N, C-alpha and C. Protein backbone atom coordinates (compact mmCIF):
# COMPACT_ATOMS: atom_id res chain seq x y z
N MET A 1 0.82 -1.26 0.05
CA MET A 1 -0.01 0.01 0.01
C MET A 1 0.95 1.30 0.03
N LEU A 2 0.49 2.18 -0.76
CA LEU A 2 1.18 3.44 -0.84
C LEU A 2 0.80 4.41 0.33
N THR A 3 1.71 5.22 0.78
CA THR A 3 1.34 6.29 1.71
C THR A 3 0.57 7.33 0.95
N ILE A 4 -0.21 8.13 1.63
CA ILE A 4 -0.90 9.09 0.99
C ILE A 4 -0.09 10.05 0.35
N ILE A 5 1.05 10.41 0.95
CA ILE A 5 2.03 11.48 0.31
C ILE A 5 2.62 10.89 -0.96
N ASP A 6 2.97 9.62 -0.94
CA ASP A 6 3.39 8.94 -2.20
C ASP A 6 2.29 9.03 -3.22
N TRP A 7 1.12 8.74 -2.90
CA TRP A 7 0.10 8.64 -3.87
C TRP A 7 -0.22 10.02 -4.42
N ILE A 8 -0.24 10.96 -3.59
CA ILE A 8 -0.47 12.43 -4.06
C ILE A 8 0.60 12.88 -4.99
N LEU A 9 1.92 12.59 -4.72
CA LEU A 9 2.93 12.84 -5.55
C LEU A 9 2.88 12.17 -6.89
N ASP A 10 2.42 10.88 -6.81
CA ASP A 10 2.28 10.16 -8.01
C ASP A 10 1.20 10.75 -8.95
N LEU A 11 0.12 11.35 -8.36
CA LEU A 11 -0.86 12.01 -9.15
C LEU A 11 -0.24 13.08 -10.04
N PHE A 12 0.76 13.75 -9.59
CA PHE A 12 1.36 14.83 -10.39
C PHE A 12 2.42 14.30 -11.37
N ARG A 13 2.84 12.97 -11.20
CA ARG A 13 3.89 12.47 -12.13
C ARG A 13 3.23 11.43 -13.09
N ASP A 14 2.15 10.89 -12.72
CA ASP A 14 1.58 9.70 -13.56
C ASP A 14 0.25 10.20 -14.14
N GLU A 15 0.23 10.42 -15.40
CA GLU A 15 -1.05 10.83 -16.07
C GLU A 15 -2.13 9.87 -15.90
N ASN A 16 -1.97 8.55 -16.06
CA ASN A 16 -3.01 7.63 -15.87
C ASN A 16 -3.66 7.65 -14.47
N ALA A 17 -2.77 7.80 -13.35
CA ALA A 17 -3.27 7.96 -12.06
C ALA A 17 -4.00 9.22 -11.92
N ALA A 18 -3.52 10.34 -12.54
CA ALA A 18 -4.18 11.59 -12.56
C ALA A 18 -5.59 11.49 -13.18
N ARG A 19 -5.65 10.85 -14.34
CA ARG A 19 -6.96 10.69 -15.08
C ARG A 19 -7.92 10.02 -14.17
N ALA A 20 -7.54 8.96 -13.49
CA ALA A 20 -8.43 8.21 -12.64
C ALA A 20 -8.94 9.12 -11.54
N PHE A 21 -8.01 9.83 -10.87
CA PHE A 21 -8.38 10.69 -9.74
C PHE A 21 -9.25 11.90 -10.22
N VAL A 22 -9.00 12.49 -11.35
CA VAL A 22 -9.80 13.56 -11.93
C VAL A 22 -11.25 13.03 -12.15
N ALA A 23 -11.33 11.83 -12.78
CA ALA A 23 -12.74 11.26 -13.08
C ALA A 23 -13.45 10.87 -11.94
N THR A 24 -12.85 10.18 -10.90
CA THR A 24 -13.55 9.61 -9.73
C THR A 24 -12.64 9.53 -8.59
N PRO A 25 -12.54 10.63 -7.83
CA PRO A 25 -11.45 10.63 -6.77
C PRO A 25 -11.72 9.56 -5.71
N GLU A 26 -12.92 9.37 -5.26
CA GLU A 26 -13.17 8.29 -4.29
C GLU A 26 -12.76 6.86 -4.68
N GLN A 27 -13.05 6.59 -6.06
CA GLN A 27 -12.65 5.25 -6.54
C GLN A 27 -11.15 5.24 -6.68
N ALA A 28 -10.49 6.25 -7.05
CA ALA A 28 -9.05 6.11 -7.18
C ALA A 28 -8.39 6.04 -5.89
N MET A 29 -8.99 6.72 -4.81
CA MET A 29 -8.40 6.52 -3.49
C MET A 29 -8.59 5.14 -2.95
N ARG A 30 -9.82 4.45 -3.23
CA ARG A 30 -10.02 3.14 -2.82
C ARG A 30 -9.09 2.18 -3.53
N ASP A 31 -8.90 2.43 -4.87
CA ASP A 31 -8.00 1.51 -5.63
C ASP A 31 -6.53 1.54 -5.09
N ALA A 32 -6.16 2.77 -4.57
CA ALA A 32 -4.76 2.92 -4.03
C ALA A 32 -4.67 2.46 -2.53
N GLY A 33 -5.76 1.89 -1.97
CA GLY A 33 -5.77 1.42 -0.63
C GLY A 33 -5.96 2.48 0.34
N LEU A 34 -6.54 3.66 -0.11
CA LEU A 34 -6.66 4.81 0.86
C LEU A 34 -8.10 5.13 1.18
N ALA A 35 -8.92 4.07 1.18
CA ALA A 35 -10.40 4.32 1.36
C ALA A 35 -10.75 4.95 2.67
N GLY A 36 -9.84 4.89 3.73
CA GLY A 36 -10.19 5.52 5.01
C GLY A 36 -9.79 6.92 5.19
N VAL A 37 -9.15 7.50 4.10
CA VAL A 37 -8.64 8.90 4.17
C VAL A 37 -9.88 9.76 3.83
N THR A 38 -10.03 10.73 4.71
CA THR A 38 -11.10 11.82 4.56
C THR A 38 -10.68 12.82 3.62
N ALA A 39 -11.75 13.56 3.24
CA ALA A 39 -11.46 14.67 2.28
C ALA A 39 -10.57 15.79 2.94
N ALA A 40 -10.78 15.98 4.22
CA ALA A 40 -9.97 17.01 5.09
C ALA A 40 -8.49 16.41 5.06
N GLN A 41 -8.32 15.14 5.33
CA GLN A 41 -6.97 14.63 5.35
C GLN A 41 -6.36 14.81 3.92
N LEU A 42 -7.02 14.47 2.95
CA LEU A 42 -6.51 14.62 1.55
C LEU A 42 -6.00 16.00 1.34
N SER A 43 -6.85 16.99 1.63
CA SER A 43 -6.49 18.38 1.47
C SER A 43 -5.24 18.80 2.31
N ALA A 44 -5.33 18.40 3.58
CA ALA A 44 -4.13 18.80 4.49
C ALA A 44 -2.76 18.13 4.00
N VAL A 45 -2.96 16.80 3.64
CA VAL A 45 -1.63 16.19 3.20
C VAL A 45 -1.15 16.79 1.87
N THR A 46 -2.15 17.03 0.84
CA THR A 46 -1.67 17.70 -0.28
C THR A 46 -1.02 19.06 -0.09
N ALA A 47 -1.61 19.84 0.85
CA ALA A 47 -0.99 21.13 1.06
C ALA A 47 0.41 21.02 1.69
N ALA A 48 0.53 19.98 2.58
CA ALA A 48 1.96 19.84 3.16
C ALA A 48 2.87 19.17 2.16
N ALA A 49 2.41 18.34 1.27
CA ALA A 49 3.35 17.67 0.36
C ALA A 49 3.78 18.69 -0.74
N LEU A 50 2.87 19.66 -1.00
CA LEU A 50 3.10 20.52 -2.19
C LEU A 50 2.84 21.98 -1.63
N PRO A 51 3.75 22.47 -0.81
CA PRO A 51 3.51 23.87 -0.35
C PRO A 51 3.45 24.91 -1.37
N GLY A 52 2.58 25.82 -1.19
CA GLY A 52 2.42 26.95 -2.21
C GLY A 52 1.53 26.56 -3.35
N LEU A 53 0.97 25.39 -3.39
CA LEU A 53 0.03 25.05 -4.38
C LEU A 53 -1.30 25.51 -3.96
N ALA A 54 -1.95 26.30 -4.80
CA ALA A 54 -3.29 26.84 -4.58
C ALA A 54 -4.42 25.82 -4.69
N LEU A 55 -5.02 25.39 -3.55
CA LEU A 55 -6.08 24.31 -3.61
C LEU A 55 -7.47 24.89 -3.66
N GLY A 56 -7.66 26.04 -3.15
CA GLY A 56 -9.10 26.44 -3.04
C GLY A 56 -9.79 26.00 -1.82
N GLY A 57 -11.02 26.23 -1.70
CA GLY A 57 -11.72 25.89 -0.45
C GLY A 57 -12.33 24.44 -0.38
N ASP A 58 -12.58 23.82 -1.51
CA ASP A 58 -13.12 22.37 -1.36
C ASP A 58 -12.07 21.44 -1.18
N PRO A 59 -12.11 20.58 -0.25
CA PRO A 59 -11.00 19.64 0.09
C PRO A 59 -10.72 18.58 -0.86
N VAL A 60 -11.66 18.29 -1.80
CA VAL A 60 -11.47 17.34 -2.96
C VAL A 60 -11.20 18.03 -4.30
N VAL A 61 -12.09 19.02 -4.50
CA VAL A 61 -11.98 19.69 -5.82
C VAL A 61 -10.74 20.52 -5.98
N GLY A 62 -10.22 21.05 -4.93
CA GLY A 62 -8.82 21.74 -4.99
C GLY A 62 -7.87 20.85 -5.42
N PRO A 63 -7.59 19.63 -4.78
CA PRO A 63 -6.53 18.80 -5.37
C PRO A 63 -6.84 18.24 -6.75
N GLN A 64 -8.09 17.91 -7.01
CA GLN A 64 -8.50 17.43 -8.21
C GLN A 64 -8.26 18.47 -9.38
N ARG A 65 -8.57 19.69 -9.11
CA ARG A 65 -8.18 20.81 -10.03
C ARG A 65 -6.76 20.98 -10.35
N ALA A 66 -5.93 20.87 -9.21
CA ALA A 66 -4.58 21.00 -9.31
C ALA A 66 -4.01 19.92 -10.22
N VAL A 67 -4.33 18.58 -9.90
CA VAL A 67 -3.85 17.43 -10.68
C VAL A 67 -4.25 17.60 -12.16
N ALA A 68 -5.58 17.99 -12.47
CA ALA A 68 -5.99 18.27 -13.80
C ALA A 68 -5.14 19.27 -14.47
N ASN A 69 -4.92 20.34 -13.80
CA ASN A 69 -4.07 21.48 -14.52
C ASN A 69 -2.66 20.95 -14.72
N GLN A 70 -2.09 20.18 -13.85
CA GLN A 70 -0.72 19.70 -13.99
C GLN A 70 -0.65 18.92 -15.40
N HIS A 71 -1.65 18.11 -15.65
CA HIS A 71 -1.56 17.20 -16.89
C HIS A 71 -2.47 17.80 -18.10
N GLY A 72 -2.96 18.99 -17.94
CA GLY A 72 -3.88 19.56 -18.99
C GLY A 72 -5.15 18.73 -19.23
N LEU A 73 -5.71 18.20 -18.10
CA LEU A 73 -6.98 17.33 -18.24
C LEU A 73 -8.13 18.22 -17.94
N ALA A 74 -9.21 17.88 -18.63
CA ALA A 74 -10.52 18.49 -18.37
C ALA A 74 -11.10 18.00 -17.08
N LEU A 75 -11.77 18.92 -16.34
CA LEU A 75 -12.41 18.42 -15.18
C LEU A 75 -13.79 17.84 -15.57
N PRO A 76 -14.32 16.85 -14.80
CA PRO A 76 -15.61 16.23 -15.20
C PRO A 76 -16.83 17.00 -14.82
N PHE A 77 -16.63 18.25 -14.43
CA PHE A 77 -17.81 19.16 -14.11
C PHE A 77 -17.38 20.51 -14.54
N GLY A 78 -18.41 21.38 -14.68
CA GLY A 78 -18.26 22.74 -15.03
C GLY A 78 -17.87 23.67 -13.99
N PRO A 79 -17.66 24.88 -14.23
CA PRO A 79 -17.36 25.91 -13.29
C PRO A 79 -18.42 25.98 -12.17
N SER A 80 -17.96 26.25 -10.97
CA SER A 80 -19.07 26.24 -9.86
C SER A 80 -19.79 27.46 -9.80
N LEU A 81 -19.22 28.58 -10.43
CA LEU A 81 -19.87 29.93 -10.48
C LEU A 81 -20.06 30.38 -11.89
N ALA A 82 -21.20 30.95 -12.16
CA ALA A 82 -21.52 31.55 -13.47
C ALA A 82 -20.65 32.75 -13.64
N PRO A 83 -20.21 33.06 -14.81
CA PRO A 83 -19.49 34.24 -15.06
C PRO A 83 -20.22 35.56 -14.68
N VAL A 84 -19.68 36.61 -14.29
CA VAL A 84 -20.30 37.87 -13.89
C VAL A 84 -21.08 38.39 -15.10
N GLY A 85 -22.32 38.71 -14.92
CA GLY A 85 -23.06 39.23 -16.06
C GLY A 85 -23.82 38.11 -16.77
N ALA A 86 -23.68 36.93 -16.42
CA ALA A 86 -24.36 35.74 -17.24
C ALA A 86 -25.80 35.72 -16.79
N PRO A 87 -26.62 35.39 -17.77
CA PRO A 87 -28.02 35.29 -17.31
C PRO A 87 -28.26 34.14 -16.42
N PRO A 88 -29.22 34.24 -15.49
CA PRO A 88 -29.50 33.29 -14.45
C PRO A 88 -30.01 31.99 -15.12
């Protein structure tokens, strides 16, 4: 079993692991043997392993977005906020 730090670092080095995490974070964590890791733990360890990385407020979406950006992957969801001036 990988440690969570090893796994997080692998997400930034291995595009296949990154694709799996971006598509389905919970399943990717289970597959890595990290089913017991909470969203808060994921965010905290990601911030500790990669200081200076902007993660945002959501403990899963922040790391997910950072991994997607590293590999140029599209996120499986749209922006959470509508652009200013967009019709409701």
